[in-house]
Structures are given as structure tokens and as C-alpha cells.
């Protein structure tokens, strides 16, 4: 990712859906297109995943169309890539606050009303204290 036009805005850590590993995800901004993207950067477990960027537009299209979100819902972001990626994206979006567990069934997730990837990331970046220079 040497000449990556996407610059990281926010990095977060969260448990995977299974709770067996910790994921690190990055939300970045494409400088020239002024668009947000998400990618899974690390997984403390052994599972494979796709570490390519997914656009906020593609993520929000899934989130807004699908009333019952599951890990599989997000596999469309990276067709033909590791099946784990969908679940990892779901875990990251839940951590960000774009989606939440359904009260009726915790295996199903739903869009948090009025939430967009941009507004949940901006809320996170405002809350996170900058690391002190050493």
C-alpha cells in the first residue's frame, strides 16, 4: 500500500463476532475523491481475511438495504475473497456504531437510525485523545 491514495483517519480495535480474536480496522479517506473507506488491517487469530479497502458508499448501500444484517451480508464487498472478511467488517461496523445487535436476535444486526460511516467516525475521532509524543 505504498502509493495508497487513502490516508488513515481512525484506527480501532474490537473483538471479532466470535470473540475469539481481536481485530484492528482502519477507516481512511481517499484524498482526491474525498470518500471514506474501511479495511481490516489485523487479526490476532489465525483466520484469513481480505485487507483491501471497501468504500463507505458500498458499505452504506448494504446497511441501508438489508434490515437483518449478518456477516454474510458484507461478503459482497469483496466477492471471491475470504468468507471471514464479512464477519470482520460486521464487527468493525458494530464497534464504530453504524450497526447494532438486534434486540430480538443478537446474531442479527441492524442499521443504527441516521448513522453514516462519516458521522460515526467523526464522533470517534473527536473522542479519541491524541497519543502523546514521546
Foldseek 3Di string as FASTA:
>chain_A
DVPQQWDFDDWDWFAFPVNPWIWIKTWTARVPVRWIWIATDDIRDDDDWDGDTFTLVVVVVLQVPDAWDALQSQCVRPPPTDSSHSRRVVRVCCVLPQWAADPVGRRTIHGDPPDGSVVSSVVVSVPDDDDDDD
